[in-house]
């Protein structure tokens, strides 16, 4: 008697994926490997789906990054109790942004590389701009002031994070260490005076001191 062949399995639709699964997997990729390594194809592979299935949730990588920003800030960026004094409101709001971004540096990479922002963070931007206006700046100058605060905040995080990563990858003396060890005190007396302490001094967390100095400078009458 001829044997019957086994029935062929029909391929059904791939399992449905949730938006939260997309966000969680994308966050893991950027945390482990960086934003540049996040692609729709790699994300689909990591989830066990197809790029086409992802388009039910996000249209492209830019929209995916916005989802990541909003998801993280909604969970981590909590509105602090603000002081009544507008100058202090500026400092508290900016410091809250700094603390959240410093805990997740890849977000700064996204925010500084693309014209993207999280809607959840706009309340903090509002407090900074409003505080600058309340201290006497015009709305236009307040926007410029916020930009200066943002540049300082983002730059501080990027530089500190990059330096920490390099130290973790290689504990050998840096090129800067070698240069500072050979400074000529007759040509660069002040730098030679602090050369032995330069690395620990610049590694100290002085963000708040710099922020207050920056705010003071922005509010000084011209």
Foldseek 3Di string as FASTA:
>chain_A
DDDDDDDDDDDDADDQDDPVLLLVLQLVCCQVPNPVPDALQVSCVVSVHHSVNCCVPPPGSVRSLQVNQQVQCVPQQDDDDADPQLLRLLLVLLVSVLVSCLVPVSNLVVVVPDVHDHPSSVVSVVSQLVSLVVLPDDSVLSVVLSVVSVCLSSVVSVVLVVVVVVCVVDVDDDPLLVDLVPDDCVVVVVSVVCSVPVVVVVNDPCSSVVSSVSSVVSSPDD
